[in-house]
Amino acid sequence: MLRELHIENIAVIEKADIDFREGMTVLTGETGAGKSIIVDSLGAVLGARTSRELVRSGAEKGIVSAVFECRAADNWLRENDIEPEDEIVIQRRISPDGKSSCRICGVPVSVSQLRELGALLLDIHGQNDGRQLMDESRHREYLDSFGDNSEVLSAYKACYREYVTCRREINRLSMDEIEKARLAESMQYQIAELEKAELRAGEEEELTAKRDLLRNSEKLTEALDSAYSALYNSDDCAVAMADEAANMMSRAANFSDELRETVSIIENASSMLYDASERIRDFRSSLEFSPEEYDNIESRISLLRRLRRKYNMDEVQMLEHLENCRSKLMELEYSDDMLAKLNRQLEALTEKCRGAAEKLTKSRIAAAARLEKRITEELRDLSMPSVVFKTAVLKLDSELGFDANGADEIRFLISANAGMELGRISKIASGGELSRIMLAMKTVFSANDTVETMVFDEIDTGVSGIAAQRVGEKLSNLSCGKQVLCITHLPQIAAIADNHDLILKTERSGRTYTEVTELDRQGRRRELARLHGGDNITELTLASAEEQIAAAENYKKQNRK
């Protein structure tokens, strides 16, 4: 349930704090006062697309924050590493350049995360949503949502994915003989070239280091020989001098025990010097090579670099490419056998898809009958007594007979008046009828979802008189199980609300401001009188408004459970 909405520097609203209550709340006001900005703000705080025009002119940023109470979102919060609390606090900041930042319970989140959470918290029915009924591609979604076909639909989609994968593999292997021969020849050439190279991971790096070493071997050998001579291979070498020093210190230690540790240090140093000289000698021996060896290394490096440039790969990648070429060549050699096997598999998958699609069709037909009954009942409650609503489940007109969504085309048909033939909603329904059909569907679908708050932005478009009263009653009944927010221009709908907020636009110092005020009983009377007669508010219109409020209260007592 939506508890609070804070709006700051959004369009003509400098600052507004709105507290929402249970039941049905209406928002009324003159055209252009800023009613739809409330809906835009709710959309923004729940992840809808925003633009720089939404930020109030001259402001550094726009801020929308909302507080919800909703346990249905606890699992989503945990999955997104947000600890569930008693309240869900959402904030979105929008800068004048159109960029925005979002937080949920103080945790930074992306707009897509905000949108996911928003779908669990609030359902906004905008002024143009009724037009979605004219988009017949959406009718299948409506029916599947109502019929709770998720399980059988998921089973079908799994079959269809297998079918598509098999079909794609057949297309990949299907080629004419000339193309197959050309590809096989290319694979054979690459395999032969890479096998002949006898590649080894890291070889080029090792050979390059060895070549650079051999290239400077003369200077290196000279330095190593000098170092070896200084350490070991001369009369006054470091090892001999260290051994002599150790002998002298051993004699001295006979006269002073304090010198024995020094003797040990010198003896260790002598051993380390000897070890160093042995290492120099061994390394010096490894430098013995012939000019032919150097040429071989250069040739090998040249080959490796040529292959690397040709394939644009290092040794490891070329070895992987070699294995891929072997696999592809084997695949080509056995492609006829594989195609035959895949075609048999495709036939089996085609039948499997048709079987799964048939189950889905049966489920949709059963759901269609239930939906027709429910929508017809709701529409009759909305002053459409002669309406006939039909959900046509038609066979898909395609060569295959099924696609990603099954084997059906779903189409809503309607006859709005007695004696009229069923026709497509886009051809039959008026604007007011579209609004009532969408309200009927929202009422039916709301029984199956966990969203606690529903927003209707001018659901009364094209509706007046008794039909408007019935729309108000339907919204009131809907608010028994949901929190309903409704923007309206009709007194019939405003009168039946449990709560009433007035949106008022004013001017101060040459700037426009929008304010939101919660109306008491007296304020509601005046606003209903304004909705009836404009500025001409008289004792008669006030009395009529009071009578309308009383009648609405009586209706709620009798019809709400």
Protein backbone atom coordinates (compact mmCIF):
# COMPACT_ATOMS: atom_id res chain seq x y z
CA MET A 1 0.00 0.00 0.00
CA LEU A 2 1.23 3.48 -0.89
CA ARG A 3 1.51 5.59 2.27
CA GLU A 4 3.38 8.76 1.31
CA LEU A 5 4.49 10.57 -1.83
CA HIS A 6 7.00 13.43 -1.75
CA ILE A 7 7.42 15.53 -4.90
CA GLU A 8 10.01 18.27 -5.21
CA ASN A 9 10.74 20.41 -8.28
CA ILE A 10 8.77 18.22 -10.69
CA ALA A 11 7.11 20.20 -13.51
CA VAL A 12 4.90 22.87 -11.88
CA ILE A 13 5.08 21.27 -8.42
CA GLU A 14 7.71 23.01 -6.30
CA LYS A 15 7.06 20.82 -3.27
CA ALA A 16 4.21 18.53 -2.27
CA ASP A 17 3.74 15.89 0.40
CA ILE A 18 0.74 13.64 -0.05
CA ASP A 19 -0.46 11.10 2.50
CA PHE A 20 -2.52 8.28 1.04
CA ARG A 21 -5.07 6.21 2.90
CA GLU A 22 -6.78 2.88 2.46
CA GLY A 23 -9.78 2.50 0.19
CA MET A 24 -10.49 4.76 -2.75
CA THR A 25 -8.84 8.17 -3.13
CA VAL A 26 -9.74 10.61 -5.90
CA LEU A 27 -7.69 13.54 -7.11
CA THR A 28 -9.59 16.34 -8.81
CA GLY A 29 -8.76 19.81 -10.09
CA GLU A 30 -8.97 22.05 -13.10
CA THR A 31 -7.48 20.89 -16.40
CA GLY A 32 -3.75 21.68 -16.34
CA ALA A 33 -3.61 21.97 -12.55
CA GLY A 34 -1.07 19.16 -12.36
CA LYS A 35 -3.11 16.02 -11.69
CA SER A 36 -1.28 13.95 -14.26
CA ILE A 37 2.04 15.11 -12.78
CA ILE A 38 1.13 13.08 -9.70
CA VAL A 39 0.83 10.01 -11.93
CA ASP A 40 4.05 10.89 -13.79
CA SER A 41 5.83 11.22 -10.44
CA LEU A 42 4.57 7.82 -9.32
CA GLY A 43 5.75 6.36 -12.62
CA ALA A 44 9.16 8.01 -12.22
CA VAL A 45 9.72 6.72 -8.68
CA LEU A 46 8.85 3.22 -9.89
CA GLY A 47 11.23 3.15 -12.85
CA ALA A 48 9.36 4.73 -15.75
CA ARG A 49 11.36 6.60 -18.37
CA THR A 50 11.98 10.25 -17.47
CA SER A 51 13.22 13.28 -19.38
CA ARG A 52 14.80 16.60 -18.55
CA GLU A 53 11.43 18.31 -19.13
CA LEU A 54 10.15 16.68 -15.95
CA VAL A 55 12.45 18.82 -13.77
CA ARG A 56 11.00 22.19 -12.74
CA SER A 57 12.52 25.07 -14.69
CA GLY A 58 15.49 26.60 -12.84
CA ALA A 59 15.79 23.76 -10.30
CA GLU A 60 19.07 21.90 -9.72
CA LYS A 61 17.27 18.57 -9.51
CA GLY A 62 13.86 16.98 -9.18
CA ILE A 63 13.14 14.50 -6.38
CA VAL A 64 10.35 11.97 -6.01
CA SER A 65 10.17 9.64 -3.04
CA ALA A 66 7.48 7.19 -2.00
CA VAL A 67 6.82 5.06 1.07
CA PHE A 68 5.08 1.70 0.66
CA GLU A 69 3.91 -0.97 3.05
CA CYS A 70 4.02 -4.26 1.16
CA ARG A 71 5.17 -7.71 2.30
CA ALA A 72 4.73 -9.15 -1.22
CA ALA A 73 8.03 -7.54 -2.22
CA ASP A 74 10.12 -9.12 0.60
CA ASN A 75 11.50 -11.91 -1.58
CA TRP A 76 12.52 -9.46 -4.30
CA LEU A 77 14.26 -7.27 -1.74
CA ARG A 78 16.25 -10.24 -0.36
CA GLU A 79 17.21 -11.39 -3.86
CA ASN A 80 18.62 -7.91 -4.48
CA ASP A 81 20.53 -7.77 -1.17
CA ILE A 82 18.15 -5.29 0.47
CA GLU A 83 16.96 -6.13 3.97
CA PRO A 84 13.12 -6.03 4.14
CA GLU A 85 11.71 -3.57 6.66
CA ASP A 86 8.23 -2.52 7.71
CA GLU A 87 8.32 0.22 5.06
CA ILE A 88 9.84 0.35 1.58
CA VAL A 89 11.28 3.80 0.95
CA ILE A 90 12.03 4.57 -2.69
CA GLN A 91 13.71 7.72 -3.98
CA ARG A 92 14.62 8.93 -7.45
CA ARG A 93 16.59 12.08 -8.21
CA ILE A 94 16.43 13.54 -11.72
CA SER A 95 18.93 16.10 -12.96
CA PRO A 96 18.19 18.79 -15.58
CA ASP A 97 20.23 16.83 -18.14
CA GLY A 98 17.84 13.87 -17.79
CA LYS A 99 20.14 11.61 -15.78
CA SER A 100 18.79 10.05 -12.60
CA SER A 101 19.85 8.11 -9.52
CA CYS A 102 17.68 5.64 -7.63
CA ARG A 103 17.64 4.26 -4.08
CA ILE A 104 15.55 1.62 -2.35
CA CYS A 105 15.72 1.74 1.46
CA GLY A 106 18.92 3.77 1.05
CA VAL A 107 20.57 1.22 -1.25
CA PRO A 108 21.61 2.50 -4.73
CA VAL A 109 19.85 0.54 -7.51
CA SER A 110 19.45 0.68 -11.27
CA VAL A 111 16.34 1.91 -13.09
CA SER A 112 15.64 -1.64 -14.27
CA GLN A 113 15.65 -2.85 -10.65
CA LEU A 114 13.31 0.00 -9.74
CA ARG A 115 11.01 -1.08 -12.56
CA GLU A 116 10.99 -4.69 -11.35
CA LEU A 117 10.05 -3.63 -7.82
CA GLY A 118 7.48 -1.16 -9.12
CA ALA A 119 5.62 -3.96 -10.91
CA LEU A 120 5.13 -5.62 -7.51
CA LEU A 121 3.94 -2.48 -5.74
CA LEU A 122 1.69 -0.50 -8.03
CA ASP A 123 -0.33 -0.81 -11.25
CA ILE A 124 -0.87 2.40 -13.20
CA HIS A 125 -3.67 2.53 -15.75
CA GLY A 126 -3.00 5.58 -17.91
CA GLN A 127 -5.29 7.53 -20.21
CA ASN A 128 -4.06 5.63 -23.27
CA ASP A 129 -4.06 2.12 -21.80
CA GLY A 130 -7.52 1.46 -23.21
CA ARG A 131 -5.94 1.67 -26.65
CA GLN A 132 -3.96 -1.46 -25.81
CA LEU A 133 -7.21 -3.36 -26.27
CA MET A 134 -7.04 -2.45 -29.95
CA ASP A 135 -3.61 -4.09 -30.23
CA GLU A 136 -4.61 -7.68 -30.89
CA SER A 137 -1.07 -8.88 -30.25
CA ARG A 138 -1.73 -8.08 -26.56
CA HIS A 139 -4.92 -10.15 -26.35
CA ARG A 140 -2.99 -13.41 -25.93
CA GLU A 141 -1.09 -11.90 -22.97
CA TYR A 142 -4.37 -10.85 -21.34
CA LEU A 143 -5.89 -14.30 -21.76
CA ASP A 144 -2.80 -16.20 -20.56
CA SER A 145 -2.56 -13.91 -17.55
CA PHE A 146 -6.18 -14.49 -16.61
CA GLY A 147 -6.10 -18.24 -17.28
CA ASP A 148 -2.89 -18.75 -15.29
CA ASN A 149 -1.46 -20.70 -18.23
CA SER A 150 2.12 -20.17 -17.05
CA GLU A 151 2.84 -23.86 -16.42
CA VAL A 152 1.49 -25.22 -19.70
CA LEU A 153 2.92 -22.21 -21.57
CA SER A 154 6.37 -22.80 -20.07
CA ALA A 155 6.21 -26.47 -21.10
CA TYR A 156 5.33 -25.45 -24.65
CA LYS A 157 8.09 -22.83 -24.82
CA ALA A 158 10.64 -25.43 -23.67
CA CYS A 159 9.57 -27.70 -26.56
CA TYR A 160 9.69 -24.80 -28.98
CA ARG A 161 13.23 -23.86 -27.91
CA GLU A 162 14.35 -27.44 -28.64
CA TYR A 163 12.67 -27.22 -32.04
CA VAL A 164 14.35 -23.90 -32.87
CA THR A 165 17.77 -25.19 -31.79
CA CYS A 166 17.42 -28.28 -33.99
CA ARG A 167 16.15 -26.20 -36.94
CA ARG A 168 19.10 -23.81 -36.56
CA GLU A 169 21.57 -26.72 -36.52
CA ILE A 170 20.03 -28.16 -39.70
CA ASN A 171 20.31 -24.79 -41.42
CA ARG A 172 23.94 -24.53 -40.37
CA LEU A 173 24.82 -27.95 -41.79
CA SER A 174 22.73 -27.57 -44.94
CA MET A 175 24.91 -26.34 -47.82
CA ASP A 176 25.47 -27.29 -51.42
CA GLU A 177 28.27 -29.66 -52.39
CA ILE A 178 30.48 -26.93 -53.87
CA GLU A 179 30.32 -24.90 -50.64
CA LYS A 180 30.93 -28.04 -48.60
CA ALA A 181 34.01 -28.97 -50.70
CA ARG A 182 35.39 -25.43 -50.46
CA LEU A 183 35.01 -25.37 -46.69
CA ALA A 184 36.53 -28.85 -46.30
CA GLU A 185 39.55 -27.83 -48.40
CA SER A 186 40.04 -24.73 -46.22
CA MET A 187 39.83 -26.79 -43.03
CA GLN A 188 42.31 -29.39 -44.38
CA TYR A 189 44.82 -26.69 -45.34
CA GLN A 190 44.67 -25.02 -41.92
CA ILE A 191 44.94 -28.35 -40.10
CA ALA A 192 47.99 -29.36 -42.16
CA GLU A 193 49.69 -25.99 -41.63
CA LEU A 194 49.12 -25.92 -37.87
CA GLU A 195 50.01 -29.58 -37.34
CA LYS A 196 53.25 -29.13 -39.28
CA ALA A 197 54.15 -26.17 -37.06
CA GLU A 198 54.01 -28.41 -33.96
CA LEU A 199 52.93 -25.50 -31.79
CA ARG A 200 53.60 -25.31 -28.09
CA ALA A 201 52.10 -22.79 -25.68
CA GLY A 202 54.57 -20.03 -24.73
CA GLU A 203 57.21 -21.17 -27.23
CA GLU A 204 57.70 -17.84 -28.98
CA GLU A 205 58.34 -16.04 -25.71
CA GLU A 206 60.91 -18.66 -24.65
CA LEU A 207 62.72 -18.61 -28.01
CA THR A 208 62.81 -14.81 -28.08
CA ALA A 209 64.45 -14.74 -24.64
CA LYS A 210 66.99 -17.39 -25.67
CA ARG A 211 67.80 -15.58 -28.93
CA ASP A 212 68.38 -12.31 -27.11
CA LEU A 213 70.68 -14.17 -24.74
CA LEU A 214 72.68 -15.73 -27.54
CA ARG A 215 72.84 -12.45 -29.44
CA ASN A 216 74.80 -10.96 -26.51
CA SER A 217 76.73 -14.11 -25.65
CA GLU A 218 80.20 -12.67 -26.29
CA LYS A 219 79.82 -9.85 -23.78
CA LEU A 220 78.01 -12.14 -21.39
CA THR A 221 80.72 -14.82 -21.60
CA GLU A 222 83.42 -12.28 -20.94
CA ALA A 223 81.63 -10.97 -17.85
CA LEU A 224 80.93 -14.50 -16.55
CA ASP A 225 84.57 -15.59 -17.03
CA SER A 226 85.82 -12.55 -15.14
CA ALA A 227 83.35 -13.11 -12.32
CA TYR A 228 84.24 -16.82 -12.07
CA SER A 229 87.95 -16.00 -11.97
CA ALA A 230 87.44 -13.42 -9.26
CA LEU A 231 85.43 -15.79 -7.13
CA TYR A 232 87.24 -19.10 -7.59
CA ASN A 233 89.65 -19.59 -10.49
CA SER A 234 92.71 -17.54 -9.40
CA ASP A 235 95.35 -17.61 -6.66
CA ASP A 236 93.89 -14.62 -4.84
CA CYS A 237 90.23 -15.38 -5.56
CA ALA A 238 87.47 -14.52 -3.12
CA VAL A 239 86.87 -18.14 -2.04
CA ALA A 240 90.58 -18.71 -1.26
CA MET A 241 90.82 -15.45 0.66
CA ALA A 242 87.64 -16.26 2.64
CA ASP A 243 89.06 -19.72 3.52
CA GLU A 244 92.33 -18.10 4.65
CA ALA A 245 90.41 -15.60 6.77
CA ALA A 246 88.43 -18.43 8.34
CA ASN A 247 91.66 -20.26 9.28
CA MET A 248 93.14 -17.14 10.86
CA MET A 249 89.96 -16.46 12.83
CA SER A 250 89.86 -20.09 14.02
CA ARG A 251 93.30 -19.61 15.57
CA ALA A 252 92.20 -16.37 17.18
CA ALA A 253 89.08 -18.06 18.57
CA ASN A 254 91.32 -20.40 20.54
CA PHE A 255 92.16 -17.39 22.67
CA SER A 256 88.68 -15.76 22.76
CA ASP A 257 85.33 -17.55 22.62
CA GLU A 258 83.66 -14.33 21.53
CA LEU A 259 85.24 -14.79 18.07
CA ARG A 260 83.71 -18.22 17.36
CA GLU A 261 80.52 -16.69 15.97
CA THR A 262 82.61 -14.58 13.60
CA VAL A 263 84.40 -17.74 12.41
CA SER A 264 81.03 -19.29 11.59
CA ILE A 265 79.95 -16.21 9.61
CA ILE A 266 83.16 -16.27 7.52
CA GLU A 267 82.83 -20.02 6.86
CA ASN A 268 79.21 -19.53 5.69
CA ALA A 269 80.31 -16.69 3.44
CA SER A 270 82.99 -18.92 1.92
CA SER A 271 80.39 -21.61 1.21
CA MET A 272 78.04 -19.09 -0.43
CA LEU A 273 80.86 -17.70 -2.58
CA TYR A 274 81.74 -21.21 -3.68
CA ASP A 275 78.09 -21.95 -4.52
CA ALA A 276 77.88 -18.72 -6.55
CA SER A 277 81.00 -19.65 -8.53
CA GLU A 278 79.52 -23.09 -9.33
CA ARG A 279 76.36 -21.48 -10.65
CA ILE A 280 78.35 -19.10 -12.84
CA ARG A 281 80.36 -22.03 -14.23
CA ASP A 282 77.22 -24.05 -15.03
CA PHE A 283 75.48 -21.10 -16.70
CA ARG A 284 78.67 -20.37 -18.69
CA SER A 285 78.70 -23.95 -19.96
CA SER A 286 75.11 -23.66 -21.20
CA LEU A 287 76.11 -20.80 -23.50
CA GLU A 288 78.07 -23.08 -25.80
CA PHE A 289 76.20 -23.03 -29.14
CA SER A 290 76.78 -23.04 -32.86
CA PRO A 291 75.80 -20.40 -35.44
CA GLU A 292 73.44 -23.01 -36.89
CA GLU A 293 71.49 -23.11 -33.61
CA TYR A 294 71.05 -19.34 -33.66
CA ASP A 295 69.76 -19.48 -37.24
CA ASN A 296 67.31 -22.23 -36.29
CA ILE A 297 65.93 -20.11 -33.45
CA GLU A 298 65.51 -17.11 -35.75
CA SER A 299 63.71 -19.25 -38.34
CA ARG A 300 61.40 -20.72 -35.72
CA ILE A 301 60.51 -17.30 -34.31
CA SER A 302 59.83 -16.03 -37.84
CA LEU A 303 57.44 -18.97 -38.46
CA LEU A 304 55.57 -18.44 -35.21
CA ARG A 305 55.17 -14.73 -35.87
CA ARG A 306 53.94 -15.34 -39.41
CA LEU A 307 51.28 -17.74 -38.11
CA ARG A 308 50.32 -15.33 -35.36
CA ARG A 309 49.78 -12.52 -37.90
CA LYS A 310 47.92 -14.80 -40.29
CA TYR A 311 45.48 -16.19 -37.74
CA ASN A 312 45.56 -13.20 -35.38
CA MET A 313 46.00 -15.63 -32.49
CA ASP A 314 48.65 -16.63 -29.97
CA GLU A 315 49.92 -20.21 -29.63
CA VAL A 316 47.17 -21.27 -27.20
CA GLN A 317 44.43 -19.84 -29.42
CA MET A 318 45.94 -21.46 -32.53
CA LEU A 319 45.97 -24.84 -30.77
CA GLU A 320 42.28 -24.34 -29.90
CA HIS A 321 41.60 -23.32 -33.50
CA LEU A 322 43.32 -26.49 -34.69
CA GLU A 323 40.96 -28.60 -32.58
CA ASN A 324 37.97 -26.64 -33.87
CA CYS A 325 39.09 -27.21 -37.46
CA ARG A 326 39.42 -30.95 -36.84
CA SER A 327 35.92 -31.02 -35.33
CA LYS A 328 34.43 -29.02 -38.21
CA LEU A 329 36.14 -31.18 -40.81
CA MET A 330 34.81 -34.31 -39.14
CA GLU A 331 31.40 -32.66 -39.02
CA LEU A 332 31.57 -31.92 -42.74
CA GLU A 333 32.66 -35.46 -43.55
CA TYR A 334 29.72 -36.85 -41.63
CA SER A 335 27.29 -33.99 -42.32
CA ASP A 336 24.96 -36.12 -44.43
CA ASP A 337 24.58 -38.62 -41.62
CA MET A 338 24.14 -35.82 -39.08
CA LEU A 339 21.55 -34.08 -41.25
CA ALA A 340 19.56 -37.27 -41.59
CA LYS A 341 19.67 -37.72 -37.83
CA LEU A 342 18.71 -34.08 -37.19
CA ASN A 343 15.83 -34.24 -39.65
CA ARG A 344 14.46 -37.27 -37.84
CA GLN A 345 14.89 -35.39 -34.58
CA LEU A 346 13.15 -32.33 -36.06
CA GLU A 347 10.15 -34.42 -37.08
CA ALA A 348 9.87 -35.76 -33.54
CA LEU A 349 10.22 -32.25 -32.07
CA THR A 350 7.60 -30.91 -34.48
CA GLU A 351 5.10 -33.47 -33.21
CA LYS A 352 6.16 -32.75 -29.63
CA CYS A 353 5.53 -29.02 -30.17
CA ARG A 354 2.14 -29.70 -31.73
CA GLY A 355 1.19 -31.87 -28.77
CA ALA A 356 2.29 -29.21 -26.29
CA ALA A 357 0.54 -26.52 -28.36
CA GLU A 358 -2.67 -28.55 -28.32
CA LYS A 359 -2.59 -28.70 -24.53
CA LEU A 360 -2.00 -24.95 -24.45
CA THR A 361 -4.91 -24.39 -26.85
CA LYS A 362 -7.25 -26.44 -24.65
CA SER A 363 -6.16 -24.45 -21.61
CA ARG A 364 -6.75 -21.19 -23.50
CA ILE A 365 -10.20 -22.27 -24.69
CA ALA A 366 -11.20 -23.11 -21.12
CA ALA A 367 -9.80 -19.81 -19.86
CA ALA A 368 -11.54 -17.94 -22.69
CA ALA A 369 -14.94 -19.25 -21.59
CA ARG A 370 -14.32 -18.14 -18.01
CA LEU A 371 -12.99 -14.75 -19.14
CA GLU A 372 -15.99 -14.13 -21.38
CA LYS A 373 -18.37 -14.79 -18.50
CA ARG A 374 -16.47 -12.60 -16.03
CA ILE A 375 -15.95 -9.67 -18.43
CA THR A 376 -19.58 -9.77 -19.54
CA GLU A 377 -20.75 -9.65 -15.90
CA GLU A 378 -18.45 -6.72 -15.15
CA LEU A 379 -19.53 -4.81 -18.26
CA ARG A 380 -23.19 -5.23 -17.42
CA ASP A 381 -22.43 -3.75 -14.02
CA LEU A 382 -20.88 -0.83 -15.94
CA SER A 383 -24.11 0.03 -17.80
CA MET A 384 -23.44 -2.12 -20.84
CA PRO A 385 -26.43 -4.49 -20.37
CA SER A 386 -26.59 -5.76 -23.95
CA VAL A 387 -22.87 -6.32 -24.38
CA VAL A 388 -21.57 -9.61 -25.73
CA PHE A 389 -17.87 -10.20 -25.13
CA LYS A 390 -16.18 -13.05 -26.99
CA THR A 391 -12.63 -14.39 -26.79
CA ALA A 392 -11.90 -16.06 -30.12
CA VAL A 393 -9.18 -18.73 -30.02
CA LEU A 394 -8.23 -19.15 -33.69
CA LYS A 395 -5.77 -21.46 -35.40
CA LEU A 396 -2.52 -19.74 -36.28
CA ASP A 397 -2.39 -19.03 -39.99
CA SER A 398 1.13 -20.24 -40.87
CA GLU A 399 2.74 -23.08 -42.79
CA LEU A 400 4.13 -24.65 -39.63
CA GLY A 401 0.99 -24.14 -37.58
CA PHE A 402 2.75 -22.87 -34.45
CA ASP A 403 5.21 -20.20 -33.37
CA ALA A 404 6.97 -19.07 -30.20
CA ASN A 405 3.61 -18.46 -28.43
CA GLY A 406 1.71 -21.57 -29.45
CA ALA A 407 -0.70 -22.48 -32.23
CA ASP A 408 -3.32 -19.81 -31.55
CA GLU A 409 -4.32 -16.31 -32.48
CA ILE A 410 -6.31 -14.67 -29.68
CA ARG A 411 -8.79 -11.99 -30.56
CA PHE A 412 -11.28 -10.16 -28.36
CA LEU A 413 -14.59 -9.53 -30.10
CA ILE A 414 -17.51 -7.46 -28.87
CA SER A 415 -21.05 -6.57 -29.63
CA ALA A 416 -21.80 -3.46 -27.61
CA ASN A 417 -25.50 -3.22 -28.47
CA ALA A 418 -28.34 -5.65 -29.00
CA GLY A 419 -28.69 -6.87 -32.57
CA MET A 420 -25.13 -5.96 -33.55
CA GLU A 421 -22.79 -8.63 -34.85
CA LEU A 422 -19.58 -9.43 -33.01
CA GLY A 423 -16.65 -7.41 -34.28
CA ARG A 424 -13.13 -6.43 -33.42
CA ILE A 425 -12.86 -4.04 -30.48
CA SER A 426 -10.95 -1.57 -32.66
CA LYS A 427 -13.92 -1.39 -35.06
CA ILE A 428 -16.81 -1.55 -32.60
CA ALA A 429 -15.96 0.10 -29.26
CA SER A 430 -16.17 3.83 -28.59
CA GLY A 431 -13.79 5.68 -26.28
CA GLY A 432 -16.13 5.34 -23.31
CA GLU A 433 -16.66 1.66 -24.03
CA LEU A 434 -12.92 1.08 -24.25
CA SER A 435 -12.49 2.67 -20.83
CA ARG A 436 -15.16 0.45 -19.31
CA ILE A 437 -13.83 -2.70 -20.99
CA MET A 438 -10.36 -1.97 -19.63
CA LEU A 439 -11.78 -1.30 -16.15
CA ALA A 440 -13.69 -4.58 -16.33
CA MET A 441 -10.50 -6.41 -17.27
CA LYS A 442 -8.51 -4.70 -14.53
CA THR A 443 -11.18 -5.73 -12.04
CA VAL A 444 -11.09 -9.35 -13.21
CA PHE A 445 -7.29 -9.59 -13.38
CA SER A 446 -6.73 -7.90 -10.02
CA ALA A 447 -8.14 -10.94 -8.24
CA ASN A 448 -5.10 -12.97 -9.33
CA ASP A 449 -2.27 -10.51 -8.65
CA THR A 450 -0.57 -9.38 -5.45
CA VAL A 451 -0.26 -5.70 -6.36
CA GLU A 452 -1.98 -3.77 -3.60
CA THR A 453 -2.25 -0.32 -5.18
CA MET A 454 -3.98 0.57 -8.45
CA VAL A 455 -3.88 3.99 -10.09
CA PHE A 456 -6.44 5.07 -12.69
CA ASP A 457 -5.61 8.21 -14.64
CA GLU A 458 -8.92 9.50 -16.06
CA ILE A 459 -10.56 6.09 -16.43
CA ASP A 460 -13.76 8.09 -17.03
CA THR A 461 -12.71 9.25 -20.53
CA GLY A 462 -15.77 9.23 -22.76
CA VAL A 463 -18.08 8.25 -19.88
CA SER A 464 -20.95 10.29 -18.41
CA GLY A 465 -24.31 10.00 -16.67
CA ILE A 466 -25.33 6.60 -15.32
CA ALA A 467 -22.27 4.95 -16.90
CA ALA A 468 -20.04 7.27 -14.88
CA GLN A 469 -21.89 6.36 -11.70
CA ARG A 470 -21.38 2.65 -12.46
CA VAL A 471 -17.66 3.22 -13.07
CA GLY A 472 -17.44 4.93 -9.69
CA GLU A 473 -19.26 2.05 -8.01
CA LYS A 474 -16.95 -0.47 -9.69
CA LEU A 475 -13.88 1.45 -8.49
CA SER A 476 -15.37 1.61 -5.00
CA ASN A 477 -15.96 -2.14 -4.95
CA LEU A 478 -12.46 -2.73 -6.25
CA SER A 479 -11.08 -0.67 -3.37
CA CYS A 480 -12.42 -3.22 -0.87
CA GLY A 481 -9.43 -5.42 -1.64
CA LYS A 482 -7.03 -2.88 -3.15
CA GLN A 483 -5.91 0.66 -2.55
CA VAL A 484 -7.36 2.64 -5.47
CA LEU A 485 -6.17 6.08 -6.59
CA CYS A 486 -8.20 7.78 -9.29
CA ILE A 487 -7.81 11.04 -11.19
CA THR A 488 -11.22 12.16 -12.41
CA HIS A 489 -13.28 15.06 -13.69
CA LEU A 490 -16.63 13.45 -12.90
CA PRO A 491 -18.64 14.19 -9.73
CA GLN A 492 -20.23 10.71 -9.85
CA ILE A 493 -16.81 9.14 -9.32
CA ALA A 494 -15.51 11.76 -6.89
CA ALA A 495 -18.60 11.42 -4.69
CA ILE A 496 -18.10 7.72 -3.98
CA ALA A 497 -14.45 8.04 -2.91
CA ASP A 498 -13.32 7.45 0.66
CA ASN A 499 -10.71 10.20 0.42
CA HIS A 500 -10.54 13.31 -1.75
CA ASP A 501 -7.46 15.41 -2.64
CA LEU A 502 -7.75 18.69 -4.52
CA ILE A 503 -5.02 19.70 -7.00
CA LEU A 504 -4.89 23.48 -7.22
CA LYS A 505 -2.67 25.60 -9.49
CA THR A 506 -1.68 29.11 -8.34
CA GLU A 507 0.64 31.91 -9.42
CA ARG A 508 3.09 33.75 -7.18
CA SER A 509 5.71 36.28 -8.26
CA GLY A 510 5.20 35.35 -11.89
CA ARG A 511 5.72 31.60 -11.35
CA THR A 512 3.23 28.74 -11.40
CA TYR A 513 2.81 26.43 -8.43
CA THR A 514 0.69 23.34 -7.81
CA GLU A 515 -0.56 22.44 -4.35
CA VAL A 516 -2.30 19.31 -3.07
CA THR A 517 -4.91 19.66 -0.32
CA GLU A 518 -6.87 16.94 1.47
CA LEU A 519 -10.53 17.92 1.53
CA ASP A 520 -12.89 17.59 4.47
CA ARG A 521 -16.63 17.06 4.11
CA GLN A 522 -17.27 20.74 3.42
CA GLY A 523 -14.40 20.90 0.92
CA ARG A 524 -15.73 17.85 -0.88
CA ARG A 525 -19.16 19.47 -1.20
CA ARG A 526 -17.68 22.58 -2.81
CA GLU A 527 -15.49 20.55 -5.18
CA LEU A 528 -18.38 18.34 -6.31
CA ALA A 529 -20.46 21.48 -6.83
CA ARG A 530 -17.62 22.87 -8.99
CA LEU A 531 -17.44 19.65 -10.99
CA HIS A 532 -21.18 19.95 -11.63
CA GLY A 533 -21.47 23.65 -12.41
CA GLY A 534 -18.02 25.19 -12.70
CA ASP A 535 -17.60 28.54 -10.95
CA ASN A 536 -21.35 28.91 -10.51
CA ILE A 537 -21.52 27.38 -7.02
CA THR A 538 -24.91 28.01 -5.38
CA GLU A 539 -26.78 26.68 -2.38
CA LEU A 540 -28.63 24.40 -4.79
CA THR A 541 -25.46 22.90 -6.27
CA LEU A 542 -24.00 22.49 -2.77
CA ALA A 543 -27.17 20.73 -1.62
CA SER A 544 -27.01 18.51 -4.69
CA ALA A 545 -23.39 17.66 -3.91
CA GLU A 546 -24.28 16.77 -0.31
CA GLU A 547 -27.11 14.57 -1.57
CA GLN A 548 -24.70 12.83 -3.95
CA ILE A 549 -22.17 12.18 -1.17
CA ALA A 550 -24.90 10.79 1.08
CA ALA A 551 -26.15 8.52 -1.71
CA ALA A 552 -22.61 7.26 -2.29
CA GLU A 553 -22.17 6.55 1.43
CA ASN A 554 -25.44 4.62 1.43
CA TYR A 555 -24.26 2.59 -1.58
CA LYS A 556 -21.00 1.69 0.17
CA LYS A 557 -22.83 0.57 3.31
CA GLN A 558 -25.07 -1.72 1.32
CA ASN A 559 -22.57 -3.14 -1.19
CA ARG A 560 -19.19 -3.30 0.49
CA LYS A 561 -18.34 -6.48 2.33
